[in-house]
N, C-alpha and C. Protein backbone atom coordinates (compact mmCIF):
# COMPACT_ATOMS: atom_id res chain seq x y z
N UNK A 1 119.81 118.77 96.24
CA UNK A 1 121.23 118.99 96.06
C UNK A 1 121.48 120.48 95.86
N UNK A 2 122.31 121.07 96.67
CA UNK A 2 122.63 122.49 96.58
C UNK A 2 123.61 122.73 95.44
N UNK A 3 123.43 123.86 94.78
CA UNK A 3 124.31 124.21 93.67
C UNK A 3 125.51 125.00 94.19
N UNK A 4 126.66 124.77 93.57
CA UNK A 4 127.85 125.55 93.89
C UNK A 4 127.72 126.95 93.28
N UNK A 5 128.63 127.84 93.64
CA UNK A 5 128.60 129.21 93.09
C UNK A 5 128.80 129.18 91.57
N UNK A 6 129.66 128.29 91.09
CA UNK A 6 129.89 128.17 89.65
C UNK A 6 128.62 127.68 88.94
N UNK A 7 127.94 126.71 89.55
CA UNK A 7 126.71 126.20 88.96
C UNK A 7 125.62 127.28 88.94
N UNK A 8 125.53 128.05 90.03
CA UNK A 8 124.55 129.15 90.07
C UNK A 8 124.86 130.19 89.00
N UNK A 9 126.14 130.48 88.83
CA UNK A 9 126.55 131.46 87.82
C UNK A 9 126.23 130.96 86.42
N UNK A 10 126.47 129.67 86.17
CA UNK A 10 126.16 129.07 84.87
C UNK A 10 124.66 129.07 84.62
N UNK A 11 123.90 128.69 85.63
CA UNK A 11 122.44 128.67 85.51
C UNK A 11 121.92 130.08 85.20
N UNK A 12 122.43 131.07 85.90
CA UNK A 12 122.02 132.46 85.66
C UNK A 12 122.44 132.91 84.27
N UNK A 13 123.62 132.51 83.83
CA UNK A 13 124.10 132.88 82.50
C UNK A 13 123.16 132.34 81.41
N UNK A 14 122.84 131.07 81.49
CA UNK A 14 121.94 130.46 80.51
C UNK A 14 120.58 131.17 80.53
N UNK A 15 120.06 131.39 81.73
CA UNK A 15 118.76 132.05 81.87
C UNK A 15 118.78 133.45 81.26
N UNK A 16 119.80 134.22 81.60
CA UNK A 16 119.85 135.62 81.15
C UNK A 16 120.08 135.72 79.65
N UNK A 17 120.92 134.86 79.09
CA UNK A 17 121.14 134.89 77.64
C UNK A 17 119.81 134.70 76.91
N UNK A 18 119.04 133.73 77.32
CA UNK A 18 117.75 133.47 76.66
C UNK A 18 116.75 134.58 76.97
N UNK A 19 116.68 134.98 78.21
CA UNK A 19 115.69 135.97 78.63
C UNK A 19 115.92 137.33 77.99
N UNK A 20 117.15 137.80 77.94
CA UNK A 20 117.42 139.12 77.35
C UNK A 20 117.02 139.14 75.88
N UNK A 21 117.37 138.10 75.15
CA UNK A 21 116.97 138.05 73.74
C UNK A 21 115.44 138.04 73.60
N UNK A 22 114.78 137.29 74.46
CA UNK A 22 113.31 137.24 74.42
C UNK A 22 112.71 138.61 74.72
N UNK A 23 113.25 139.30 75.71
CA UNK A 23 112.70 140.61 76.08
C UNK A 23 112.99 141.69 75.06
N UNK A 24 114.17 141.66 74.46
CA UNK A 24 114.47 142.64 73.41
C UNK A 24 113.51 142.42 72.24
N UNK A 25 113.31 141.17 71.85
CA UNK A 25 112.36 140.87 70.78
C UNK A 25 110.95 141.31 71.18
N UNK A 26 110.53 140.95 72.38
CA UNK A 26 109.19 141.30 72.87
C UNK A 26 109.00 142.82 72.89
N UNK A 27 109.98 143.53 73.40
CA UNK A 27 109.88 144.98 73.51
C UNK A 27 109.83 145.65 72.14
N UNK A 28 110.75 145.23 71.26
CA UNK A 28 110.82 145.89 69.95
C UNK A 28 109.70 145.49 69.02
N UNK A 29 109.36 144.22 68.98
CA UNK A 29 108.38 143.74 68.01
C UNK A 29 106.95 143.80 68.54
N UNK A 30 106.73 143.28 69.73
CA UNK A 30 105.36 143.17 70.24
C UNK A 30 104.86 144.50 70.79
N UNK A 31 105.63 145.11 71.68
CA UNK A 31 105.16 146.34 72.34
C UNK A 31 105.31 147.55 71.43
N UNK A 32 106.50 147.73 70.83
CA UNK A 32 106.79 148.96 70.10
C UNK A 32 106.84 148.81 68.58
N UNK A 33 106.61 147.62 68.07
CA UNK A 33 106.75 147.38 66.64
C UNK A 33 105.86 148.26 65.77
N UNK A 34 104.59 148.36 66.09
CA UNK A 34 103.66 149.17 65.29
C UNK A 34 104.06 150.64 65.30
N UNK A 35 104.45 151.13 66.47
CA UNK A 35 104.87 152.53 66.58
C UNK A 35 106.14 152.79 65.78
N UNK A 36 107.11 151.89 65.86
CA UNK A 36 108.34 152.05 65.10
C UNK A 36 108.06 152.07 63.60
N UNK A 37 107.21 151.16 63.14
CA UNK A 37 106.90 151.11 61.70
C UNK A 37 106.12 152.34 61.26
N UNK A 38 105.17 152.79 62.08
CA UNK A 38 104.38 153.97 61.72
C UNK A 38 105.25 155.23 61.72
N UNK A 39 106.12 155.35 62.68
CA UNK A 39 107.00 156.52 62.79
C UNK A 39 107.94 156.64 61.60
N UNK A 40 108.44 155.51 61.13
CA UNK A 40 109.44 155.52 60.04
C UNK A 40 108.83 155.22 58.68
N UNK A 41 107.53 154.95 58.64
CA UNK A 41 106.83 154.62 57.39
C UNK A 41 107.48 153.42 56.69
N UNK A 42 107.74 152.37 57.46
CA UNK A 42 108.31 151.14 56.93
C UNK A 42 107.33 150.00 57.18
N UNK A 43 107.59 148.86 56.54
CA UNK A 43 106.66 147.74 56.70
C UNK A 43 107.24 146.59 57.53
N UNK A 44 108.39 146.80 58.16
CA UNK A 44 108.92 145.80 59.08
C UNK A 44 109.65 146.50 60.22
N UNK A 45 109.70 145.83 61.33
CA UNK A 45 110.36 146.41 62.51
C UNK A 45 111.85 146.57 62.28
N UNK A 46 112.48 145.57 61.69
CA UNK A 46 113.92 145.66 61.46
C UNK A 46 114.25 146.79 60.49
N UNK A 47 113.38 147.01 59.49
CA UNK A 47 113.59 148.14 58.57
C UNK A 47 113.44 149.47 59.32
N UNK A 48 112.49 149.53 60.25
CA UNK A 48 112.31 150.74 61.05
C UNK A 48 113.53 151.01 61.92
N UNK A 49 114.05 149.97 62.55
CA UNK A 49 115.24 150.12 63.39
C UNK A 49 116.43 150.57 62.55
N UNK A 50 116.59 149.97 61.39
CA UNK A 50 117.69 150.36 60.51
C UNK A 50 117.54 151.80 60.03
N UNK A 51 116.31 152.21 59.72
CA UNK A 51 116.07 153.57 59.25
C UNK A 51 116.37 154.60 60.35
N UNK A 52 116.08 154.23 61.60
CA UNK A 52 116.37 155.12 62.72
C UNK A 52 117.85 155.14 63.08
N UNK A 53 118.58 154.15 62.61
CA UNK A 53 120.00 154.07 62.94
C UNK A 53 120.26 153.26 64.19
N UNK A 54 119.28 152.48 64.60
CA UNK A 54 119.43 151.63 65.77
C UNK A 54 118.26 151.78 66.72
N UNK A 55 118.48 151.34 67.94
CA UNK A 55 117.46 151.38 69.00
C UNK A 55 117.81 152.53 69.93
N UNK A 56 116.80 153.32 70.29
CA UNK A 56 117.02 154.45 71.17
C UNK A 56 117.30 153.96 72.59
N UNK A 57 118.49 154.29 73.09
CA UNK A 57 118.86 153.91 74.45
C UNK A 57 119.75 154.98 75.04
N UNK A 58 119.37 155.47 76.18
CA UNK A 58 120.13 156.45 76.94
C UNK A 58 120.49 157.68 76.11
N UNK A 59 119.49 158.13 75.34
CA UNK A 59 119.65 159.36 74.58
C UNK A 59 120.33 159.22 73.23
N UNK A 60 120.65 158.00 72.80
CA UNK A 60 121.35 157.78 71.53
C UNK A 60 120.73 156.58 70.82
N UNK A 61 120.94 156.50 69.53
CA UNK A 61 120.54 155.33 68.77
C UNK A 61 121.72 154.39 68.69
N UNK A 62 121.53 153.18 69.19
CA UNK A 62 122.60 152.19 69.25
C UNK A 62 122.23 150.97 68.43
N UNK A 63 123.24 150.26 67.90
CA UNK A 63 122.95 149.00 67.19
C UNK A 63 122.27 148.01 68.13
N UNK A 64 121.45 147.16 67.58
CA UNK A 64 120.67 146.23 68.41
C UNK A 64 121.58 145.31 69.23
N UNK A 65 122.74 144.92 68.68
CA UNK A 65 123.65 144.04 69.44
C UNK A 65 124.15 144.73 70.70
N UNK A 66 124.34 146.05 70.64
CA UNK A 66 124.82 146.75 71.84
C UNK A 66 123.70 146.88 72.87
N UNK A 67 122.46 146.99 72.40
CA UNK A 67 121.32 147.02 73.31
C UNK A 67 121.23 145.69 74.06
N UNK A 68 121.38 144.59 73.33
CA UNK A 68 121.36 143.26 73.95
C UNK A 68 122.50 143.14 74.95
N UNK A 69 123.68 143.61 74.60
CA UNK A 69 124.84 143.53 75.49
C UNK A 69 124.64 144.34 76.77
N UNK A 70 124.13 145.56 76.64
CA UNK A 70 123.88 146.41 77.82
C UNK A 70 122.84 145.76 78.72
N UNK A 71 121.74 145.30 78.12
CA UNK A 71 120.70 144.66 78.93
C UNK A 71 121.21 143.38 79.57
N UNK A 72 122.03 142.62 78.85
CA UNK A 72 122.60 141.40 79.41
C UNK A 72 123.42 141.72 80.66
N UNK A 73 124.27 142.73 80.58
CA UNK A 73 125.11 143.08 81.73
C UNK A 73 124.27 143.46 82.95
N UNK A 74 123.25 144.28 82.74
CA UNK A 74 122.38 144.65 83.85
C UNK A 74 121.60 143.45 84.38
N UNK A 75 121.05 142.64 83.48
CA UNK A 75 120.23 141.50 83.89
C UNK A 75 121.05 140.45 84.63
N UNK A 76 122.25 140.15 84.14
CA UNK A 76 123.08 139.15 84.79
C UNK A 76 123.49 139.61 86.19
N UNK A 77 123.88 140.87 86.29
CA UNK A 77 124.26 141.43 87.59
C UNK A 77 123.08 141.40 88.55
N UNK A 78 121.91 141.84 88.10
CA UNK A 78 120.72 141.83 88.96
C UNK A 78 120.32 140.41 89.35
N UNK A 79 120.42 139.49 88.41
CA UNK A 79 120.07 138.09 88.71
C UNK A 79 121.00 137.50 89.76
N UNK A 80 122.29 137.75 89.65
CA UNK A 80 123.25 137.18 90.59
C UNK A 80 123.17 137.84 91.97
N UNK A 81 122.98 139.16 91.99
CA UNK A 81 122.98 139.88 93.27
C UNK A 81 121.63 139.94 93.96
N UNK A 82 120.56 139.95 93.19
CA UNK A 82 119.23 140.14 93.77
C UNK A 82 118.30 138.96 93.49
N UNK A 83 118.14 138.62 92.21
CA UNK A 83 117.16 137.62 91.80
C UNK A 83 117.34 136.25 92.43
N UNK A 84 118.50 135.64 92.20
CA UNK A 84 118.72 134.28 92.73
C UNK A 84 118.66 134.21 94.25
N UNK A 85 119.44 135.02 94.96
CA UNK A 85 119.43 134.83 96.42
C UNK A 85 118.08 135.13 97.08
N UNK A 86 117.44 136.21 96.66
CA UNK A 86 116.18 136.59 97.32
C UNK A 86 115.01 135.71 96.92
N UNK A 87 114.98 135.25 95.66
CA UNK A 87 113.87 134.40 95.26
C UNK A 87 113.93 133.05 95.98
N UNK A 88 115.13 132.54 96.17
CA UNK A 88 115.28 131.28 96.89
C UNK A 88 114.86 131.46 98.36
N UNK A 89 115.26 132.57 98.97
CA UNK A 89 114.86 132.84 100.36
C UNK A 89 113.35 133.00 100.49
N UNK A 90 112.74 133.67 99.52
CA UNK A 90 111.28 133.85 99.56
C UNK A 90 110.57 132.51 99.44
N UNK A 91 111.06 131.65 98.55
CA UNK A 91 110.46 130.33 98.38
C UNK A 91 110.63 129.49 99.65
N UNK A 92 111.79 129.60 100.28
CA UNK A 92 112.06 128.85 101.51
C UNK A 92 111.19 129.33 102.68
N UNK A 93 110.79 130.60 102.67
CA UNK A 93 109.91 131.11 103.73
C UNK A 93 108.53 130.47 103.67
N UNK A 94 108.12 130.09 102.45
CA UNK A 94 106.77 129.55 102.27
C UNK A 94 106.72 128.04 102.11
N UNK A 95 107.85 127.44 101.78
CA UNK A 95 107.88 126.00 101.55
C UNK A 95 109.10 125.39 102.22
N UNK A 96 108.94 124.21 102.75
CA UNK A 96 110.07 123.45 103.28
C UNK A 96 110.66 122.67 102.11
N UNK A 97 111.88 122.99 101.76
CA UNK A 97 112.51 122.40 100.57
C UNK A 97 112.60 120.87 100.66
N UNK A 98 112.68 120.34 101.88
CA UNK A 98 112.81 118.89 102.06
C UNK A 98 111.45 118.17 101.96
N UNK A 99 110.37 118.88 102.27
CA UNK A 99 109.04 118.25 102.29
C UNK A 99 108.19 118.61 101.07
N UNK A 100 108.60 119.59 100.31
CA UNK A 100 107.79 120.06 99.19
C UNK A 100 108.20 119.35 97.91
N UNK A 101 107.21 119.04 97.10
CA UNK A 101 107.45 118.47 95.79
C UNK A 101 108.40 119.41 95.03
N UNK A 102 109.48 118.87 94.43
CA UNK A 102 110.45 119.73 93.75
C UNK A 102 109.85 120.65 92.68
N UNK A 103 108.84 120.16 91.98
CA UNK A 103 108.21 121.00 90.95
C UNK A 103 107.50 122.19 91.59
N UNK A 104 106.86 121.96 92.72
CA UNK A 104 106.20 123.06 93.42
C UNK A 104 107.22 124.07 93.94
N UNK A 105 108.33 123.56 94.45
CA UNK A 105 109.36 124.46 94.97
C UNK A 105 110.00 125.26 93.83
N UNK A 106 110.31 124.60 92.73
CA UNK A 106 110.88 125.29 91.57
C UNK A 106 109.91 126.35 91.05
N UNK A 107 108.64 126.03 91.02
CA UNK A 107 107.62 126.99 90.59
C UNK A 107 107.59 128.19 91.52
N UNK A 108 107.72 127.96 92.81
CA UNK A 108 107.75 129.06 93.77
C UNK A 108 108.98 129.95 93.55
N UNK A 109 110.12 129.33 93.27
CA UNK A 109 111.34 130.10 93.00
C UNK A 109 111.17 130.92 91.72
N UNK A 110 110.62 130.32 90.68
CA UNK A 110 110.41 131.04 89.41
C UNK A 110 109.48 132.23 89.63
N UNK A 111 108.37 132.00 90.33
CA UNK A 111 107.42 133.08 90.58
C UNK A 111 108.05 134.20 91.41
N UNK A 112 108.83 133.83 92.40
CA UNK A 112 109.50 134.84 93.22
C UNK A 112 110.53 135.60 92.40
N UNK A 113 111.25 134.90 91.53
CA UNK A 113 112.23 135.56 90.68
C UNK A 113 111.55 136.57 89.76
N UNK A 114 110.45 136.17 89.16
CA UNK A 114 109.69 137.09 88.30
C UNK A 114 109.22 138.30 89.11
N UNK A 115 108.72 138.04 90.31
CA UNK A 115 108.24 139.12 91.17
C UNK A 115 109.33 140.10 91.57
N UNK A 116 110.56 139.64 91.62
CA UNK A 116 111.70 140.50 91.97
C UNK A 116 112.29 141.16 90.72
N UNK A 117 112.54 140.35 89.70
CA UNK A 117 113.28 140.83 88.54
C UNK A 117 112.47 141.76 87.63
N UNK A 118 111.18 141.56 87.52
CA UNK A 118 110.39 142.45 86.65
C UNK A 118 110.46 143.90 87.12
N UNK A 119 110.20 144.20 88.39
CA UNK A 119 110.34 145.61 88.81
C UNK A 119 111.77 146.15 88.67
N UNK A 120 112.76 145.32 88.99
CA UNK A 120 114.15 145.77 88.91
C UNK A 120 114.54 146.07 87.46
N UNK A 121 114.31 145.12 86.57
CA UNK A 121 114.70 145.31 85.17
C UNK A 121 113.81 146.33 84.47
N UNK A 122 112.56 146.44 84.87
CA UNK A 122 111.69 147.46 84.29
C UNK A 122 112.16 148.85 84.68
N UNK A 123 112.66 149.01 85.90
CA UNK A 123 113.20 150.31 86.31
C UNK A 123 114.45 150.64 85.51
N UNK A 124 115.32 149.66 85.36
CA UNK A 124 116.54 149.87 84.58
C UNK A 124 116.17 150.24 83.14
N UNK A 125 115.21 149.52 82.57
CA UNK A 125 114.77 149.82 81.20
C UNK A 125 114.14 151.21 81.11
N UNK A 126 113.34 151.58 82.10
CA UNK A 126 112.73 152.91 82.10
C UNK A 126 113.81 153.99 82.10
N UNK A 127 114.88 153.75 82.81
CA UNK A 127 116.00 154.69 82.86
C UNK A 127 116.77 154.69 81.54
N UNK A 128 117.06 153.49 81.00
CA UNK A 128 117.84 153.39 79.76
C UNK A 128 117.10 153.95 78.55
N UNK A 129 115.79 153.69 78.47
CA UNK A 129 115.00 154.08 77.30
C UNK A 129 114.21 155.37 77.52
N UNK A 130 114.52 156.09 78.57
CA UNK A 130 113.81 157.33 78.87
C UNK A 130 113.98 158.32 77.71
N UNK A 131 112.92 159.06 77.36
CA UNK A 131 113.04 160.05 76.27
C UNK A 131 113.78 161.31 76.74
N UNK A 132 115.09 161.21 76.86
CA UNK A 132 115.90 162.31 77.38
C UNK A 132 115.81 163.57 76.52
N UNK A 133 115.47 163.43 75.25
CA UNK A 133 115.35 164.59 74.37
C UNK A 133 114.22 165.52 74.82
N UNK A 134 113.32 165.04 75.65
CA UNK A 134 112.21 165.85 76.17
C UNK A 134 112.57 166.51 77.50
N UNK A 135 113.77 166.28 78.02
CA UNK A 135 114.12 166.74 79.36
C UNK A 135 113.77 165.65 80.36
N UNK A 136 114.31 165.75 81.54
CA UNK A 136 114.08 164.70 82.54
C UNK A 136 113.05 165.14 83.56
N UNK A 137 112.13 164.22 83.87
CA UNK A 137 111.12 164.44 84.89
C UNK A 137 110.95 163.14 85.66
N UNK A 138 111.12 163.18 86.96
CA UNK A 138 111.03 161.97 87.79
C UNK A 138 109.67 161.29 87.68
N UNK A 139 108.61 162.08 87.52
CA UNK A 139 107.27 161.49 87.41
C UNK A 139 107.09 160.74 86.09
N UNK A 140 107.71 161.25 85.04
CA UNK A 140 107.68 160.55 83.76
C UNK A 140 108.44 159.24 83.88
N UNK A 141 109.60 159.26 84.54
CA UNK A 141 110.37 158.04 84.76
C UNK A 141 109.55 157.02 85.53
N UNK A 142 108.90 157.44 86.61
CA UNK A 142 108.08 156.52 87.41
C UNK A 142 106.89 156.00 86.63
N UNK A 143 106.26 156.86 85.84
CA UNK A 143 105.13 156.41 85.01
C UNK A 143 105.59 155.39 83.97
N UNK A 144 106.75 155.65 83.35
CA UNK A 144 107.29 154.70 82.38
C UNK A 144 107.65 153.38 83.06
N UNK A 145 108.16 153.45 84.28
CA UNK A 145 108.51 152.24 85.04
C UNK A 145 107.26 151.40 85.30
N UNK A 146 106.21 152.04 85.78
CA UNK A 146 104.97 151.31 86.05
C UNK A 146 104.36 150.74 84.78
N UNK A 147 104.44 151.49 83.68
CA UNK A 147 103.93 150.99 82.40
C UNK A 147 104.72 149.75 81.99
N UNK A 148 106.04 149.79 82.13
CA UNK A 148 106.86 148.64 81.76
C UNK A 148 106.56 147.43 82.65
N UNK A 149 106.33 147.65 83.93
CA UNK A 149 105.96 146.54 84.81
C UNK A 149 104.68 145.89 84.31
N UNK A 150 103.71 146.71 83.95
CA UNK A 150 102.42 146.18 83.46
C UNK A 150 102.58 145.40 82.16
N UNK A 151 103.45 145.87 81.27
CA UNK A 151 103.71 145.14 80.02
C UNK A 151 104.52 143.88 80.26
N UNK A 152 105.54 143.98 81.11
CA UNK A 152 106.51 142.89 81.25
C UNK A 152 106.07 141.77 82.18
N UNK A 153 105.28 142.08 83.19
CA UNK A 153 104.95 141.03 84.16
C UNK A 153 104.23 139.83 83.55
N UNK A 154 103.15 140.03 82.78
CA UNK A 154 102.49 138.83 82.22
C UNK A 154 103.41 138.04 81.29
N UNK A 155 104.17 138.75 80.47
CA UNK A 155 105.11 138.06 79.57
C UNK A 155 106.16 137.29 80.37
N UNK A 156 106.70 137.93 81.39
CA UNK A 156 107.74 137.29 82.21
C UNK A 156 107.19 136.06 82.92
N UNK A 157 106.03 136.21 83.51
CA UNK A 157 105.45 135.11 84.28
C UNK A 157 105.25 133.88 83.39
N UNK A 158 104.56 134.06 82.28
CA UNK A 158 104.24 132.90 81.44
C UNK A 158 105.46 132.38 80.68
N UNK A 159 106.32 133.26 80.18
CA UNK A 159 107.48 132.77 79.44
C UNK A 159 108.47 132.06 80.36
N UNK A 160 108.69 132.60 81.56
CA UNK A 160 109.61 131.96 82.49
C UNK A 160 109.06 130.63 83.02
N UNK A 161 107.79 130.64 83.39
CA UNK A 161 107.20 129.45 84.00
C UNK A 161 107.04 128.30 83.01
N UNK A 162 106.63 128.60 81.79
CA UNK A 162 106.28 127.53 80.85
C UNK A 162 107.29 127.27 79.75
N UNK A 163 108.18 128.21 79.48
CA UNK A 163 109.10 128.01 78.36
C UNK A 163 110.56 128.14 78.76
N UNK A 164 110.94 129.31 79.25
CA UNK A 164 112.36 129.59 79.46
C UNK A 164 112.95 128.71 80.56
N UNK A 165 112.36 128.69 81.75
CA UNK A 165 112.94 127.91 82.84
C UNK A 165 112.93 126.41 82.58
N UNK A 166 111.87 125.82 82.02
CA UNK A 166 111.98 124.39 81.69
C UNK A 166 113.12 124.10 80.70
N UNK A 167 113.28 124.98 79.70
CA UNK A 167 114.37 124.81 78.74
C UNK A 167 115.73 124.98 79.43
N UNK A 168 115.85 125.99 80.27
CA UNK A 168 117.12 126.24 80.97
C UNK A 168 117.45 125.06 81.88
N UNK A 169 116.47 124.54 82.59
CA UNK A 169 116.72 123.41 83.49
C UNK A 169 117.19 122.18 82.72
N UNK A 170 116.57 121.91 81.59
CA UNK A 170 116.99 120.76 80.77
C UNK A 170 118.40 120.98 80.21
N UNK A 171 118.67 122.17 79.73
CA UNK A 171 120.00 122.51 79.22
C UNK A 171 121.05 122.39 80.32
N UNK A 172 120.71 122.91 81.49
CA UNK A 172 121.63 122.85 82.63
C UNK A 172 121.91 121.39 83.02
N UNK A 173 120.87 120.57 83.03
CA UNK A 173 121.06 119.14 83.36
C UNK A 173 121.98 118.46 82.35
N UNK A 174 121.79 118.78 81.06
CA UNK A 174 122.65 118.19 80.03
C UNK A 174 124.10 118.63 80.19
N UNK A 175 124.31 119.89 80.45
CA UNK A 175 125.67 120.42 80.64
C UNK A 175 126.30 119.80 81.90
N UNK A 176 125.53 119.70 82.97
CA UNK A 176 126.04 119.14 84.23
C UNK A 176 126.39 117.67 84.10
N UNK A 177 125.62 116.92 83.31
CA UNK A 177 125.91 115.49 83.14
C UNK A 177 127.21 115.29 82.36
N UNK A 178 127.49 116.19 81.42
CA UNK A 178 128.71 116.06 80.61
C UNK A 178 129.95 116.29 81.46
N UNK A 179 129.84 117.16 82.45
CA UNK A 179 130.99 117.46 83.31
C UNK A 179 131.07 116.40 84.34
């Protein structure tokens, strides 16, 4: 059954709301938590963020809610314009949707989405979180982008495949049945 544009938008909304919160947590606590605590001489990540006056983004310290909002806007736009359409096309190139087990096809779409969205969102993050106070250098931006891809890809693959997408699909089914 093909989804309407409204259903695709709702599915992307649910996915991005969960994913952005997961990635902000992952980035701040898992990847950068020790550095934040060591830099500020605090014993918790949230205390370190509060001591800094927020999260460093685009040359300024911003409240964490604004970081989530900015990332949500970029992620939702990228998902609607790039992630959804291209991941479905990539899956269709390798699998016949009518002959393939739905779980296998959904897995192919998830993997293609991760393969598309991780480089896109990692580039956006490299740009947003670039250390502008040091001056701008394109090679530093590219190095930060590649570093973020290496950090984000394993997390994205496993969290999307085993946790986020199964939860989103069940939530979407519940919402669709009510309507």
